[in-house]
Amino acid sequence: MKIGFSSVDLSFPEKLEMAGYILRKETSIGSHDPLQLFCIYLNEDQIETAILVFDLLTVPKKFPRQIDGIKLIPVATHIHSGPKPDCVCDIIEFSAREALMKAKQNSSNLNKLTIKQFEVSNVCDFRNRQDSTTIPTNLIEFETIKQRFSIVLFPCHPTVLGPENLLYSSDIIGAIRRKLEMKFDQPFVFLNSCCGDLSTHRTRKERSFTEIERLAGIFLKQCIPYILYQKSAPWGLSVKEIELEVEYVQKNVEESSLNERDIPGMMLIKQRGKLPEREEFIISFLVIDHLKLFFVPFELFFEFCNVISSIDKLAFVICYANSPASYVVPKSVKSGYEWLASPYADDTEERLLSLISYELMRL
């Protein structure tokens, strides 16, 4: 198996409409820190694929699924301080071609795969719980003859900055990446997971760049990972895509019963207007040796990942992949912003969990 890594800065013009907050009305005024695009290229026998990770809210609708015959798995980090994805699709595609070419040139034999884990507290927490919770975090390290780089898999809605911010920024995930790179002397790619009910809402003191650095520093102090799995000269690469048909529902909500946090959800419902009856979404599966990555477009609640982890501790769910999509909430959730923002039928989470569990058993 050959693997290669690259990264490029994304250069976006000012005065673009920004994504992530329906209450934000003004356009961007510049950049605080660079938004980036990361590429992980993989090749074994006749299989050639690449994970592309870009600092945007979602994957643009028009983003290609192949470049030069190489199958792509595009993923967004879900930042809320970048331009609207569909406004920059051409820039993203051009940058993706550059990153893919560099990653392929950098590729060499994968000598070692290491999966590590540690726990983080006081950086993000559950929005609707009073007690503080530790959040499991994983590092997936790849070592080749030429390179060493890691994926940090941290389930956190990555928003410290609020709608008042008009500067492009990778927010807390960029700060975490930079601090990890300095500590371990290697590049890091951030992938988000099941964080639909996790955020910095209860842990942040203010919505500022100073607060981003404070929380990222807390993360770094707790980054003392232990090894879950390690394999020299790993082999066995496979990629699979499955379509999941999702039913849409139109929600009728009594506006008088809403609180302040629910208002953006109600605005989203009005903005969406009439929905289609159903839509098909792509779920991607990527297997590297015993490592199993499931890429879904949705924003899922944390317990979803807990269930998958209980089946296989080396299986991880990556959210915000393949296409733009919204929250998928548990059937028991019947109120709140996340429920309002979710346009899908009540059984969607159960059907997605059943699909992934079934495929996991077959791998």
Protein backbone atom coordinates (compact mmCIF):
# COMPACT_ATOMS: atom_id res chain seq x y z
CA MET A 1 0.00 0.00 0.00
CA LYS A 2 1.24 3.47 -0.92
CA ILE A 3 0.10 6.63 0.80
CA GLY A 4 0.95 10.31 0.36
CA PHE A 5 0.02 13.57 2.07
CA SER A 6 -0.12 17.22 1.03
CA SER A 7 -1.74 20.48 2.06
CA VAL A 8 -2.39 23.82 0.35
CA ASP A 9 -3.70 27.14 1.60
CA LEU A 10 -7.07 28.19 0.21
CA SER A 11 -7.09 31.77 -1.04
CA PHE A 12 -10.59 33.26 -1.10
CA PRO A 13 -11.47 36.85 -2.07
CA GLU A 14 -13.07 39.26 0.37
CA LYS A 15 -16.72 40.33 0.31
CA LEU A 16 -18.06 36.81 -0.16
CA GLU A 17 -21.15 35.67 1.70
CA MET A 18 -20.08 33.60 4.70
CA ALA A 19 -21.59 30.29 5.81
CA GLY A 20 -22.64 28.83 9.14
CA TYR A 21 -24.86 31.43 10.77
CA ILE A 22 -28.23 32.40 9.40
CA LEU A 23 -28.13 35.50 11.63
CA ARG A 24 -24.92 36.76 9.95
CA LYS A 25 -25.86 39.32 7.29
CA GLU A 26 -22.54 40.97 6.33
CA THR A 27 -19.92 39.65 3.91
CA SER A 28 -16.31 38.77 4.73
CA ILE A 29 -13.76 41.53 5.28
CA GLY A 30 -10.56 39.48 5.12
CA SER A 31 -8.69 36.59 6.71
CA HIS A 32 -7.41 36.00 10.26
CA ASP A 33 -5.65 32.68 9.59
CA PRO A 34 -5.39 30.55 6.45
CA LEU A 35 -8.11 28.10 5.51
CA GLN A 36 -6.55 24.91 4.20
CA LEU A 37 -7.12 21.89 2.01
CA PHE A 38 -5.54 18.55 2.91
CA CYS A 39 -5.14 15.51 0.69
CA ILE A 40 -4.45 11.89 1.72
CA TYR A 41 -3.74 9.78 -1.36
CA LEU A 42 -3.98 5.96 -1.17
CA ASN A 43 -3.03 3.30 -3.71
CA GLU A 44 -2.92 -0.49 -3.57
CA ASP A 45 -3.15 -2.84 -6.55
CA GLN A 46 -5.92 -1.44 -8.76
CA ILE A 47 -7.47 0.79 -6.05
CA GLU A 48 -6.64 4.49 -6.17
CA THR A 49 -8.48 6.96 -3.96
CA ALA A 50 -7.98 10.20 -2.03
CA ILE A 51 -9.52 11.85 1.01
CA LEU A 52 -9.81 15.60 0.49
CA VAL A 53 -10.43 17.68 3.61
CA PHE A 54 -11.19 21.37 3.29
CA ASP A 55 -11.91 24.12 5.79
CA LEU A 56 -15.49 24.88 4.83
CA LEU A 57 -18.93 24.39 6.37
CA THR A 58 -19.95 21.63 3.94
CA VAL A 59 -18.88 19.89 0.75
CA PRO A 60 -19.99 22.01 -2.24
CA LYS A 61 -22.82 20.44 -4.21
CA LYS A 62 -20.91 20.57 -7.50
CA PHE A 63 -17.64 19.15 -6.20
CA PRO A 64 -16.45 16.26 -8.44
CA ARG A 65 -16.31 12.66 -7.23
CA GLN A 66 -13.27 11.86 -9.40
CA ILE A 67 -10.19 13.69 -10.65
CA ASP A 68 -8.05 12.04 -13.34
CA GLY A 69 -9.73 8.70 -12.61
CA ILE A 70 -8.95 8.86 -8.88
CA LYS A 71 -12.02 8.32 -6.69
CA LEU A 72 -12.46 11.15 -4.18
CA ILE A 73 -13.93 11.26 -0.69
CA PRO A 74 -14.45 14.99 -0.02
CA VAL A 75 -14.87 16.07 3.61
CA ALA A 76 -15.54 19.46 5.22
CA THR A 77 -14.25 20.40 8.66
CA HIS A 78 -17.53 22.27 9.28
CA ILE A 79 -16.06 25.63 10.26
CA HIS A 80 -18.52 28.54 10.46
CA SER A 81 -16.02 31.24 9.46
CA GLY A 82 -15.52 30.52 5.78
CA PRO A 83 -17.26 31.47 2.53
CA LYS A 84 -20.44 29.75 1.36
CA PRO A 85 -19.16 26.52 -0.23
CA ASP A 86 -21.09 26.81 -3.49
CA CYS A 87 -19.54 30.26 -4.06
CA VAL A 88 -16.00 28.85 -4.14
CA CYS A 89 -16.41 25.47 -5.82
CA ASP A 90 -14.13 26.40 -8.74
CA ILE A 91 -11.38 27.56 -6.36
CA ILE A 92 -11.74 24.39 -4.30
CA GLU A 93 -11.55 22.13 -7.36
CA PHE A 94 -8.45 23.90 -8.70
CA SER A 95 -6.75 23.62 -5.30
CA ALA A 96 -7.81 19.97 -5.01
CA ARG A 97 -6.07 19.12 -8.27
CA GLU A 98 -2.87 20.75 -6.99
CA ALA A 99 -3.09 18.97 -3.62
CA LEU A 100 -3.84 15.62 -5.25
CA MET A 101 -0.88 15.92 -7.61
CA LYS A 102 1.45 16.75 -4.68
CA ALA A 103 0.12 13.94 -2.48
CA LYS A 104 0.52 11.41 -5.31
CA GLN A 105 4.10 12.59 -5.92
CA ASN A 106 4.80 12.26 -2.19
CA SER A 107 3.33 8.75 -1.96
CA SER A 108 5.50 5.84 -0.88
CA ASN A 109 5.10 2.52 0.91
CA LEU A 110 3.11 2.68 4.13
CA ASN A 111 5.53 1.35 6.73
CA LYS A 112 3.44 1.73 9.86
CA LEU A 113 -0.15 2.46 10.91
CA THR A 114 -0.75 3.50 14.53
CA ILE A 115 -4.10 4.30 16.14
CA LYS A 116 -3.99 6.13 19.47
CA GLN A 117 -6.59 7.45 21.87
CA PHE A 118 -6.87 9.93 24.74
CA GLU A 119 -9.66 11.84 26.48
CA VAL A 120 -10.39 15.55 26.44
CA SER A 121 -12.48 17.59 28.87
CA ASN A 122 -13.34 21.31 29.21
CA VAL A 123 -12.86 22.03 25.48
CA CYS A 124 -16.34 21.05 24.34
CA ASP A 125 -19.26 19.44 26.12
CA PHE A 126 -22.86 18.33 25.70
CA ARG A 127 -25.20 21.25 25.15
CA ASN A 128 -28.04 19.84 27.21
CA ARG A 129 -26.28 18.20 30.17
CA GLN A 130 -25.23 19.75 33.44
CA ASP A 131 -22.37 17.41 34.29
CA SER A 132 -19.00 17.72 32.55
CA THR A 133 -18.02 14.90 30.18
CA THR A 134 -14.71 13.63 28.82
CA ILE A 135 -14.68 13.20 25.05
CA PRO A 136 -12.70 10.33 23.45
CA THR A 137 -10.27 11.60 20.84
CA ASN A 138 -8.22 9.57 18.37
CA LEU A 139 -4.95 10.07 16.52
CA ILE A 140 -4.40 7.96 13.40
CA GLU A 141 -0.74 8.12 12.42
CA PHE A 142 0.67 7.10 9.03
CA GLU A 143 4.40 6.59 8.56
CA THR A 144 6.06 6.11 5.17
CA ILE A 145 9.64 6.29 3.94
CA LYS A 146 9.10 9.95 3.03
CA GLN A 147 6.50 11.28 5.48
CA ARG A 148 4.82 11.01 8.83
CA PHE A 149 1.41 12.63 9.36
CA SER A 150 -1.69 12.09 11.48
CA ILE A 151 -5.45 12.46 11.49
CA VAL A 152 -6.91 13.94 14.67
CA LEU A 153 -10.48 12.72 15.10
CA PHE A 154 -12.19 14.95 17.66
CA PRO A 155 -16.01 15.13 17.90
CA CYS A 156 -16.59 18.84 18.53
CA HIS A 157 -18.86 21.33 16.78
CA PRO A 158 -15.92 23.58 15.85
CA THR A 159 -17.33 27.00 16.70
CA VAL A 160 -15.89 29.45 19.15
CA LEU A 161 -16.35 32.44 16.84
CA GLY A 162 -19.91 33.70 16.39
CA PRO A 163 -21.95 35.41 13.66
CA GLU A 164 -20.33 38.76 14.47
CA ASN A 165 -16.99 37.49 13.09
CA LEU A 166 -16.38 38.50 9.47
CA LEU A 167 -12.83 37.16 9.09
CA TYR A 168 -12.03 33.83 7.44
CA SER A 169 -10.71 31.50 10.12
CA SER A 170 -10.31 27.79 10.79
CA ASP A 171 -11.50 28.57 14.34
CA ILE A 172 -10.59 26.11 17.08
CA ILE A 173 -9.70 23.23 14.77
CA GLY A 174 -6.99 25.29 13.09
CA ALA A 175 -5.54 26.21 16.48
CA ILE A 176 -5.60 22.54 17.57
CA ARG A 177 -3.86 21.49 14.34
CA ARG A 178 -1.14 24.09 14.75
CA LYS A 179 -0.44 23.17 18.38
CA LEU A 180 -0.33 19.45 17.60
CA GLU A 181 2.06 20.07 14.70
CA MET A 182 4.44 21.95 17.00
CA LYS A 183 4.27 19.27 19.72
CA PHE A 184 4.71 16.21 17.50
CA ASP A 185 6.70 17.77 14.61
CA GLN A 186 4.38 16.46 11.90
CA PRO A 187 1.31 17.72 10.01
CA PHE A 188 -2.20 16.97 11.27
CA VAL A 189 -5.51 16.65 9.42
CA PHE A 190 -8.66 17.37 11.43
CA LEU A 191 -11.70 15.16 10.84
CA ASN A 192 -14.95 15.77 12.68
CA SER A 193 -17.21 13.05 13.99
CA CYS A 194 -20.57 12.74 15.78
CA CYS A 195 -20.79 16.16 17.39
CA GLY A 196 -24.42 17.16 16.79
CA ASP A 197 -24.99 17.62 20.53
CA LEU A 198 -21.42 18.67 21.44
CA SER A 199 -20.05 22.21 21.24
CA THR A 200 -18.03 24.87 23.06
CA HIS A 201 -21.27 26.54 24.23
CA ARG A 202 -20.67 25.61 27.89
CA THR A 203 -16.86 25.66 27.89
CA ARG A 204 -16.01 28.94 26.14
CA LYS A 205 -15.79 32.20 28.11
CA GLU A 206 -16.19 34.44 25.09
CA ARG A 207 -16.29 34.28 21.29
CA SER A 208 -12.83 35.53 20.42
CA PHE A 209 -9.53 34.49 18.86
CA THR A 210 -7.94 34.67 22.32
CA GLU A 211 -10.49 32.14 23.58
CA ILE A 212 -9.70 29.84 20.65
CA GLU A 213 -6.07 29.73 21.75
CA ARG A 214 -7.05 29.10 25.39
CA LEU A 215 -9.27 26.12 24.53
CA ALA A 216 -6.70 24.71 22.07
CA GLY A 217 -4.10 24.95 24.82
CA ILE A 218 -6.36 22.93 27.16
CA PHE A 219 -6.70 20.32 24.40
CA LEU A 220 -2.92 20.09 23.94
CA LYS A 221 -2.22 19.61 27.66
CA GLN A 222 -4.51 16.57 27.68
CA CYS A 223 -3.05 15.05 24.52
CA ILE A 224 -1.20 12.14 26.14
CA PRO A 225 -2.28 9.30 23.84
CA TYR A 226 -1.95 5.59 24.37
CA ILE A 227 -1.76 3.04 21.53
CA LEU A 228 -4.93 1.17 20.58
CA TYR A 229 -3.48 -0.57 17.53
CA GLN A 230 -0.20 -0.66 15.64
CA LYS A 231 0.79 -2.53 12.50
CA SER A 232 4.00 -2.54 10.49
CA ALA A 233 3.67 -2.79 6.71
CA PRO A 234 -0.16 -2.77 6.81
CA TRP A 235 -2.02 -3.95 3.75
CA GLY A 236 -5.62 -4.33 2.65
CA LEU A 237 -7.17 -1.22 1.08
CA SER A 238 -10.80 -1.18 0.01
CA VAL A 239 -13.30 1.54 -0.88
CA LYS A 240 -17.05 1.24 -1.21
CA GLU A 241 -20.00 3.57 -1.75
CA ILE A 242 -23.63 2.93 -0.84
CA GLU A 243 -26.64 5.15 -1.43
CA LEU A 244 -29.05 5.82 1.42
CA GLU A 245 -32.47 7.11 0.47
CA VAL A 246 -33.78 9.58 3.03
CA GLU A 247 -37.35 10.79 3.39
CA TYR A 248 -38.02 14.48 4.06
CA VAL A 249 -40.73 15.80 6.37
CA GLN A 250 -42.26 19.25 6.67
CA LYS A 251 -42.34 20.38 10.29
CA ASN A 252 -45.21 22.43 11.65
CA VAL A 253 -44.01 24.33 14.71
CA GLU A 254 -45.86 26.60 17.10
CA GLU A 255 -43.59 29.66 17.11
CA SER A 256 -44.88 30.87 20.47
CA SER A 257 -43.24 27.88 22.17
CA LEU A 258 -39.72 28.63 20.86
CA ASN A 259 -36.83 29.96 22.94
CA GLU A 260 -34.01 32.22 21.73
CA ARG A 261 -31.77 29.36 20.57
CA ASP A 262 -34.63 27.88 18.53
CA ILE A 263 -35.13 31.01 16.41
CA PRO A 264 -32.33 30.21 13.86
CA GLY A 265 -33.89 26.75 13.41
CA MET A 266 -37.24 28.31 12.63
CA MET A 267 -35.54 30.67 10.17
CA LEU A 268 -33.95 27.64 8.45
CA ILE A 269 -37.35 25.99 8.05
CA LYS A 270 -38.74 29.12 6.37
CA GLN A 271 -35.63 29.53 4.20
CA ARG A 272 -35.81 25.92 2.96
CA GLY A 273 -39.40 26.27 1.82
CA LYS A 274 -41.03 23.22 0.23
CA LEU A 275 -38.92 20.08 0.46
CA PRO A 276 -38.67 17.16 -1.98
CA GLU A 277 -40.22 13.87 -0.88
CA ARG A 278 -36.88 12.10 -0.63
CA GLU A 279 -33.21 12.26 -1.64
CA GLU A 280 -30.32 9.81 -2.01
CA PHE A 281 -27.08 10.43 -0.11
CA ILE A 282 -23.73 8.69 -0.59
CA ILE A 283 -22.12 6.85 2.32
CA SER A 284 -18.45 5.96 1.75
CA PHE A 285 -16.52 3.16 3.47
CA LEU A 286 -12.73 3.15 3.49
CA VAL A 287 -10.76 0.26 4.98
CA ILE A 288 -7.01 0.40 5.63
CA ASP A 289 -5.84 -2.84 7.22
CA HIS A 290 -8.00 -3.06 10.41
CA LEU A 291 -8.90 0.66 10.34
CA LYS A 292 -12.45 1.33 9.13
CA LEU A 293 -13.65 4.82 8.25
CA PHE A 294 -17.30 5.58 7.45
CA PHE A 295 -17.93 8.92 5.71
CA VAL A 296 -21.46 10.34 6.01
CA PRO A 297 -22.79 13.75 4.98
CA PHE A 298 -24.93 14.25 8.09
CA GLU A 299 -24.43 15.90 11.46
CA LEU A 300 -25.00 13.10 13.99
CA PHE A 301 -25.40 12.95 17.76
CA PHE A 302 -22.52 11.59 19.85
CA GLU A 303 -24.27 8.39 20.93
CA PHE A 304 -24.32 7.25 17.29
CA CYS A 305 -20.52 6.97 17.34
CA ASN A 306 -20.60 5.25 20.72
CA VAL A 307 -22.73 2.48 19.24
CA ILE A 308 -20.35 2.00 16.30
CA SER A 309 -17.35 1.98 18.64
CA SER A 310 -19.00 -0.70 20.78
CA ILE A 311 -19.16 -2.94 17.69
CA ASP A 312 -15.56 -2.27 16.60
CA LYS A 313 -13.14 0.02 18.46
CA LEU A 314 -11.19 0.61 15.23
CA ALA A 315 -14.26 1.83 13.32
CA PHE A 316 -14.82 5.59 13.12
CA VAL A 317 -17.63 7.72 11.69
CA ILE A 318 -16.61 10.88 9.81
CA CYS A 319 -19.35 13.49 9.40
CA TYR A 320 -19.76 16.33 6.86
CA ALA A 321 -18.55 14.21 3.94
CA ASN A 322 -19.60 13.69 0.30
CA SER A 323 -22.34 16.34 0.07
CA PRO A 324 -24.07 19.07 2.09
CA ALA A 325 -26.64 17.70 4.53
CA SER A 326 -28.19 18.60 7.86
CA TYR A 327 -28.70 17.20 11.35
CA VAL A 328 -29.95 13.66 11.81
CA VAL A 329 -31.35 13.52 15.34
CA PRO A 330 -32.36 10.52 17.46
CA LYS A 331 -36.03 9.56 17.29
CA SER A 332 -36.42 10.58 20.94
CA VAL A 333 -35.48 14.22 20.22
CA LYS A 334 -38.65 16.25 19.53
CA SER A 335 -37.58 19.84 20.18
CA GLY A 336 -34.64 22.22 20.13
CA TYR A 337 -32.54 23.81 17.40
CA GLU A 338 -31.09 20.50 16.15
CA TRP A 339 -34.57 18.97 15.75
CA LEU A 340 -35.82 22.09 13.94
CA ALA A 341 -32.78 22.09 11.66
CA SER A 342 -33.24 18.42 10.73
CA PRO A 343 -35.55 18.00 7.71
CA TYR A 344 -35.50 14.20 7.78
CA ALA A 345 -37.99 11.55 8.88
CA ASP A 346 -37.81 10.24 12.46
CA ASP A 347 -36.38 6.84 11.47
CA THR A 348 -33.38 8.25 9.54
CA GLU A 349 -30.83 7.73 12.31
CA GLU A 350 -32.00 4.13 12.88
CA ARG A 351 -31.76 3.35 9.17
CA LEU A 352 -28.27 4.87 8.90
CA LEU A 353 -27.10 2.99 11.98
CA SER A 354 -28.50 -0.26 10.61
CA LEU A 355 -26.74 0.28 7.27
CA ILE A 356 -23.33 1.03 8.83
CA SER A 357 -23.63 -1.79 11.38
CA TYR A 358 -24.48 -4.26 8.62
CA GLU A 359 -21.54 -3.16 6.45
CA LEU A 360 -19.23 -3.23 9.46
CA MET A 361 -20.14 -6.85 10.18
CA ARG A 362 -19.35 -7.76 6.57
CA LEU A 363 -15.92 -6.10 6.45
